[in-house]
C-alpha cells in the first residue's frame, strides 16, 4: 500500500472532514480513505447525463407548474 500526503488544504475542507469523521465515529484518516474509495471505486459512479437518466418519471411537467 502507498502513503498519500495532501498539502495546503483549505481550512474549511479540513473542518468538514473532521466533522464528517466525527459523525461517522472514525479517524480523519479513515474518513479520507472512505471518501476516496467511494468516489473512485464505486460502481455507482456515472456521468451527469447518466444521473439525469436515473431520475424516475414522477409526472408531467404541468404537475410541477407554480401557481
N, C-alpha and C. Protein backbone atom coordinates (compact mmCIF):
# COMPACT_ATOMS: atom_id res chain seq x y z
N UNK A 1 0.84 -1.19 0.00
CA UNK A 1 0.00 0.00 0.00
C UNK A 1 0.87 1.24 0.00
N UNK A 2 0.37 2.28 -0.61
CA UNK A 2 1.10 3.54 -0.71
C UNK A 2 0.59 4.53 0.33
N UNK A 3 1.44 5.47 0.66
CA UNK A 3 1.05 6.60 1.51
C UNK A 3 0.70 7.77 0.61
N UNK A 4 -0.25 8.56 1.05
CA UNK A 4 -0.66 9.73 0.29
C UNK A 4 -0.66 10.93 1.23
N UNK A 5 0.04 11.97 0.84
CA UNK A 5 0.10 13.20 1.64
C UNK A 5 -0.59 14.30 0.85
N UNK A 6 -1.52 14.97 1.48
CA UNK A 6 -2.24 16.08 0.84
C UNK A 6 -1.87 17.35 1.59
N UNK A 7 -1.30 18.30 0.87
CA UNK A 7 -0.85 19.54 1.50
C UNK A 7 -1.73 20.71 1.07
N UNK A 8 -1.69 21.75 1.88
CA UNK A 8 -2.32 23.03 1.57
C UNK A 8 -3.83 22.94 1.33
N UNK A 9 -4.50 22.13 2.13
CA UNK A 9 -5.96 22.08 2.06
C UNK A 9 -6.55 23.31 2.73
N UNK A 10 -7.65 23.78 2.20
CA UNK A 10 -8.34 24.92 2.80
C UNK A 10 -8.85 24.52 4.18
N UNK A 11 -8.86 25.49 5.10
CA UNK A 11 -9.32 25.23 6.46
C UNK A 11 -10.74 24.68 6.47
N UNK A 12 -11.58 25.14 5.56
CA UNK A 12 -12.97 24.68 5.50
C UNK A 12 -13.05 23.20 5.15
N UNK A 13 -12.16 22.75 4.27
CA UNK A 13 -12.14 21.34 3.87
C UNK A 13 -11.72 20.48 5.05
N UNK A 14 -10.70 20.92 5.76
CA UNK A 14 -10.20 20.18 6.92
C UNK A 14 -11.29 20.11 8.00
N UNK A 15 -11.94 21.23 8.25
CA UNK A 15 -13.01 21.26 9.26
C UNK A 15 -14.15 20.33 8.87
N UNK A 16 -14.53 20.34 7.60
CA UNK A 16 -15.61 19.47 7.13
C UNK A 16 -15.22 18.00 7.25
N UNK A 17 -13.97 17.68 6.94
CA UNK A 17 -13.50 16.30 7.04
C UNK A 17 -13.50 15.84 8.50
N UNK A 18 -13.05 16.71 9.39
CA UNK A 18 -13.05 16.37 10.82
C UNK A 18 -14.48 16.17 11.33
N UNK A 19 -15.40 17.03 10.92
CA UNK A 19 -16.79 16.91 11.35
C UNK A 19 -17.41 15.62 10.82
N UNK A 20 -17.13 15.32 9.56
CA UNK A 20 -17.69 14.10 8.95
C UNK A 20 -17.14 12.86 9.62
N UNK A 21 -15.84 12.84 9.90
CA UNK A 21 -15.24 11.68 10.55
C UNK A 21 -15.80 11.51 11.96
N UNK A 22 -16.04 12.62 12.63
CA UNK A 22 -16.63 12.56 13.97
C UNK A 22 -18.04 11.98 13.93
N UNK A 23 -18.84 12.42 12.96
CA UNK A 23 -20.20 11.90 12.80
C UNK A 23 -20.20 10.40 12.54
N UNK A 24 -19.21 9.93 11.81
CA UNK A 24 -19.13 8.51 11.48
C UNK A 24 -18.36 7.69 12.51
N UNK A 25 -17.80 8.37 13.49
CA UNK A 25 -17.09 7.68 14.56
C UNK A 25 -15.79 7.02 14.13
N UNK A 26 -15.11 7.63 13.17
CA UNK A 26 -13.84 7.09 12.70
C UNK A 26 -12.79 8.20 12.69
N UNK A 27 -11.56 7.81 12.47
CA UNK A 27 -10.48 8.80 12.41
C UNK A 27 -10.60 9.61 11.12
N UNK A 28 -9.94 10.76 11.11
CA UNK A 28 -9.92 11.59 9.91
C UNK A 28 -9.27 10.82 8.76
N UNK A 29 -8.22 10.09 9.06
CA UNK A 29 -7.54 9.31 8.02
C UNK A 29 -8.49 8.26 7.42
N UNK A 30 -9.23 7.55 8.28
CA UNK A 30 -10.15 6.54 7.78
C UNK A 30 -11.27 7.16 6.96
N UNK A 31 -11.76 8.32 7.39
CA UNK A 31 -12.81 9.00 6.63
C UNK A 31 -12.29 9.43 5.27
N UNK A 32 -11.07 9.94 5.24
CA UNK A 32 -10.43 10.35 3.98
C UNK A 32 -10.35 9.16 3.03
N UNK A 33 -9.90 8.01 3.53
CA UNK A 33 -9.80 6.81 2.70
C UNK A 33 -11.18 6.37 2.21
N UNK A 34 -12.16 6.45 3.08
CA UNK A 34 -13.53 6.07 2.71
C UNK A 34 -14.07 6.94 1.58
N UNK A 35 -13.84 8.24 1.67
CA UNK A 35 -14.29 9.17 0.63
C UNK A 35 -13.61 8.84 -0.70
N UNK A 36 -12.31 8.61 -0.66
CA UNK A 36 -11.59 8.28 -1.89
C UNK A 36 -12.10 6.98 -2.50
N UNK A 37 -12.30 5.96 -1.66
CA UNK A 37 -12.82 4.69 -2.17
C UNK A 37 -14.19 4.88 -2.82
N UNK A 38 -15.07 5.60 -2.11
CA UNK A 38 -16.44 5.80 -2.60
C UNK A 38 -16.44 6.53 -3.94
N UNK A 39 -15.64 7.56 -4.05
CA UNK A 39 -15.65 8.37 -5.27
C UNK A 39 -14.91 7.71 -6.43
N UNK A 40 -13.87 6.96 -6.13
CA UNK A 40 -13.03 6.44 -7.21
C UNK A 40 -13.32 5.00 -7.58
N UNK A 41 -13.87 4.22 -6.66
CA UNK A 41 -14.04 2.79 -6.93
C UNK A 41 -15.49 2.34 -6.96
N UNK A 42 -16.40 3.20 -6.59
CA UNK A 42 -17.80 2.82 -6.51
C UNK A 42 -18.38 2.56 -7.90
N UNK A 43 -19.09 1.45 -8.06
CA UNK A 43 -19.74 1.19 -9.35
C UNK A 43 -20.90 2.14 -9.60
N UNK A 44 -21.29 2.92 -8.61
CA UNK A 44 -22.39 3.85 -8.76
C UNK A 44 -21.99 5.10 -9.53
N UNK A 45 -20.70 5.28 -9.76
CA UNK A 45 -20.26 6.45 -10.48
C UNK A 45 -20.91 6.51 -11.84
N UNK A 46 -21.29 7.69 -12.23
CA UNK A 46 -21.93 7.85 -13.52
C UNK A 46 -21.70 9.27 -14.02
N UNK A 47 -21.96 9.48 -15.27
CA UNK A 47 -21.85 10.82 -15.83
C UNK A 47 -23.07 11.64 -15.42
N UNK A 48 -23.01 12.93 -15.64
CA UNK A 48 -24.15 13.79 -15.33
C UNK A 48 -25.37 13.36 -16.14
N UNK A 49 -25.18 13.09 -17.42
CA UNK A 49 -26.31 12.65 -18.24
C UNK A 49 -26.85 11.31 -17.75
N UNK A 50 -25.96 10.43 -17.29
CA UNK A 50 -26.40 9.16 -16.74
C UNK A 50 -27.21 9.35 -15.47
N UNK A 51 -26.78 10.30 -14.64
CA UNK A 51 -27.53 10.60 -13.42
C UNK A 51 -28.91 11.13 -13.75
N UNK A 52 -29.00 11.99 -14.76
CA UNK A 52 -30.30 12.52 -15.17
C UNK A 52 -31.22 11.40 -15.66
N UNK A 53 -30.65 10.43 -16.36
CA UNK A 53 -31.45 9.33 -16.88
C UNK A 53 -31.98 8.43 -15.77
N UNK A 54 -31.34 8.46 -14.59
CA UNK A 54 -31.77 7.62 -13.49
C UNK A 54 -32.90 8.26 -12.67
N UNK A 55 -33.24 9.51 -12.95
CA UNK A 55 -34.32 10.17 -12.23
C UNK A 55 -35.64 9.51 -12.64
N UNK A 56 -36.42 9.07 -11.66
CA UNK A 56 -37.67 8.39 -12.02
C UNK A 56 -38.69 9.32 -12.65
N UNK A 57 -39.55 8.76 -13.47
CA UNK A 57 -40.63 9.52 -14.08
C UNK A 57 -41.74 9.64 -13.05
N UNK A 58 -41.93 10.86 -12.51
CA UNK A 58 -42.90 11.05 -11.43
C UNK A 58 -44.07 11.93 -11.84
N UNK A 59 -44.21 12.24 -13.09
CA UNK A 59 -45.34 13.04 -13.51
C UNK A 59 -45.03 13.86 -14.74
N UNK A 60 -46.01 14.64 -15.13
CA UNK A 60 -45.88 15.51 -16.28
C UNK A 60 -45.34 16.87 -15.84
N UNK A 61 -44.72 17.60 -16.76
CA UNK A 61 -44.19 18.92 -16.43
C UNK A 61 -45.27 19.82 -15.83
N UNK A 62 -46.49 19.70 -16.33
CA UNK A 62 -47.58 20.55 -15.86
C UNK A 62 -47.89 20.30 -14.37
N UNK A 63 -47.56 19.11 -13.89
CA UNK A 63 -47.82 18.80 -12.48
C UNK A 63 -46.97 19.66 -11.55
N UNK A 64 -45.91 20.22 -12.07
CA UNK A 64 -44.99 20.98 -11.24
C UNK A 64 -45.02 22.48 -11.54
N UNK A 65 -46.04 22.94 -12.23
CA UNK A 65 -46.15 24.36 -12.57
C UNK A 65 -46.49 25.16 -11.32
N UNK A 66 -45.76 26.27 -11.14
CA UNK A 66 -46.04 27.14 -10.00
C UNK A 66 -47.34 27.92 -10.22
N UNK A 67 -48.06 28.08 -9.16
CA UNK A 67 -49.33 28.82 -9.25
C UNK A 67 -49.10 30.23 -8.74
